[in-house]
Amino acid sequence: MFVRKYLCACRREAKIAELIMSVTVYEDLLTKVDRGRQFYDKLEAKVKHLLERSHRVCHAEQEERSRIRERLAPKGIC
């Protein structure tokens, strides 16, 4: 009888330890997920900024090419 109670107590203690460990692992996972979300939020902001900047540069270069074409186009052809 004593052995059975001892084994039950051991199983119960092992289960409790397992549950405590799973809470710790879960909290660690939540922390890592939050860090990952922050990383991708920052990355998205940087990519948006880079995209806007590249659009501005392309637009400026296109305007410059248009000015050059107008300057070099033959004038007075009717």
Protein backbone atom coordinates (compact mmCIF):
# COMPACT_ATOMS: atom_id res chain seq x y z
CA MET A 1 0.00 0.00 0.00
CA PHE A 2 2.79 2.39 0.91
CA VAL A 3 4.59 1.65 -2.36
CA ARG A 4 1.47 2.47 -4.36
CA LYS A 5 1.03 5.82 -2.57
CA TYR A 6 4.70 6.56 -3.10
CA LEU A 7 4.44 5.81 -6.83
CA CYS A 8 1.31 7.95 -7.15
CA ALA A 9 3.05 10.80 -5.36
CA CYS A 10 6.07 10.43 -7.63
CA ARG A 11 3.89 10.48 -10.74
CA ARG A 12 2.00 13.48 -9.44
CA GLU A 13 5.25 15.35 -8.70
CA ALA A 14 6.60 14.46 -12.13
CA LYS A 15 3.39 15.70 -13.77
CA ILE A 16 3.52 18.96 -11.80
CA ALA A 17 7.16 19.47 -12.78
CA GLU A 18 6.23 18.78 -16.41
CA LEU A 19 3.41 21.35 -16.27
CA ILE A 20 5.69 23.95 -14.70
CA MET A 21 8.28 23.32 -17.42
CA SER A 22 5.64 23.64 -20.13
CA VAL A 23 4.58 27.05 -18.73
CA THR A 24 8.21 28.18 -18.80
CA VAL A 25 8.64 26.97 -22.37
CA TYR A 26 5.36 28.65 -23.38
CA GLU A 27 6.43 31.98 -21.87
CA ASP A 28 9.78 31.69 -23.66
CA LEU A 29 7.96 30.98 -26.91
CA LEU A 30 5.75 34.06 -26.44
CA THR A 31 8.83 36.20 -25.85
CA LYS A 32 10.49 34.90 -29.00
CA VAL A 33 7.32 35.41 -31.03
CA ASP A 34 7.12 39.01 -29.82
CA ARG A 35 10.76 39.62 -30.75
CA GLY A 36 10.14 38.11 -34.18
CA ARG A 37 7.08 40.31 -34.70
CA GLN A 38 9.09 43.40 -33.72
CA PHE A 39 11.86 42.38 -36.13
CA TYR A 40 9.46 41.99 -39.04
CA ASP A 41 7.67 45.25 -38.17
CA LYS A 42 11.00 47.09 -38.32
CA LEU A 43 11.94 45.28 -41.51
CA GLU A 44 8.62 46.21 -43.12
CA ALA A 45 9.13 49.87 -42.21
CA LYS A 46 12.63 49.84 -43.70
CA VAL A 47 11.41 48.17 -46.89
CA LYS A 48 8.57 50.69 -47.25
CA HIS A 49 11.04 53.54 -46.82
CA LEU A 50 13.38 52.01 -49.39
CA LEU A 51 10.51 51.51 -51.84
CA GLU A 52 9.39 55.14 -51.47
CA ARG A 53 12.95 56.33 -51.93
CA SER A 54 13.46 54.21 -55.04
CA HIS A 55 10.19 55.55 -56.51
CA ARG A 56 11.40 59.11 -55.93
CA VAL A 57 14.77 58.38 -57.54
CA CYS A 58 13.16 56.68 -60.55
CA HIS A 59 10.72 59.56 -60.97
CA ALA A 60 13.55 62.12 -60.80
CA GLU A 61 15.60 60.19 -63.35
CA GLN A 62 12.59 59.90 -65.65
CA GLU A 63 12.04 63.66 -65.46
CA GLU A 64 15.73 64.26 -66.21
CA ARG A 65 15.54 61.98 -69.26
CA SER A 66 12.46 63.84 -70.46
CA ARG A 67 14.24 67.18 -70.14
CA ILE A 68 17.24 65.83 -72.05
CA ARG A 69 14.97 64.47 -74.83
CA GLU A 70 13.20 67.82 -75.12
CA ARG A 71 16.51 69.66 -75.28
CA LEU A 72 17.95 67.32 -77.92
CA ALA A 73 14.77 66.99 -80.00
CA PRO A 74 14.92 68.66 -83.44
CA LYS A 75 13.14 72.00 -83.38
CA GLY A 76 11.11 73.66 -86.06
CA ILE A 77 10.01 70.57 -88.00
CA CYS A 78 6.58 71.16 -89.55
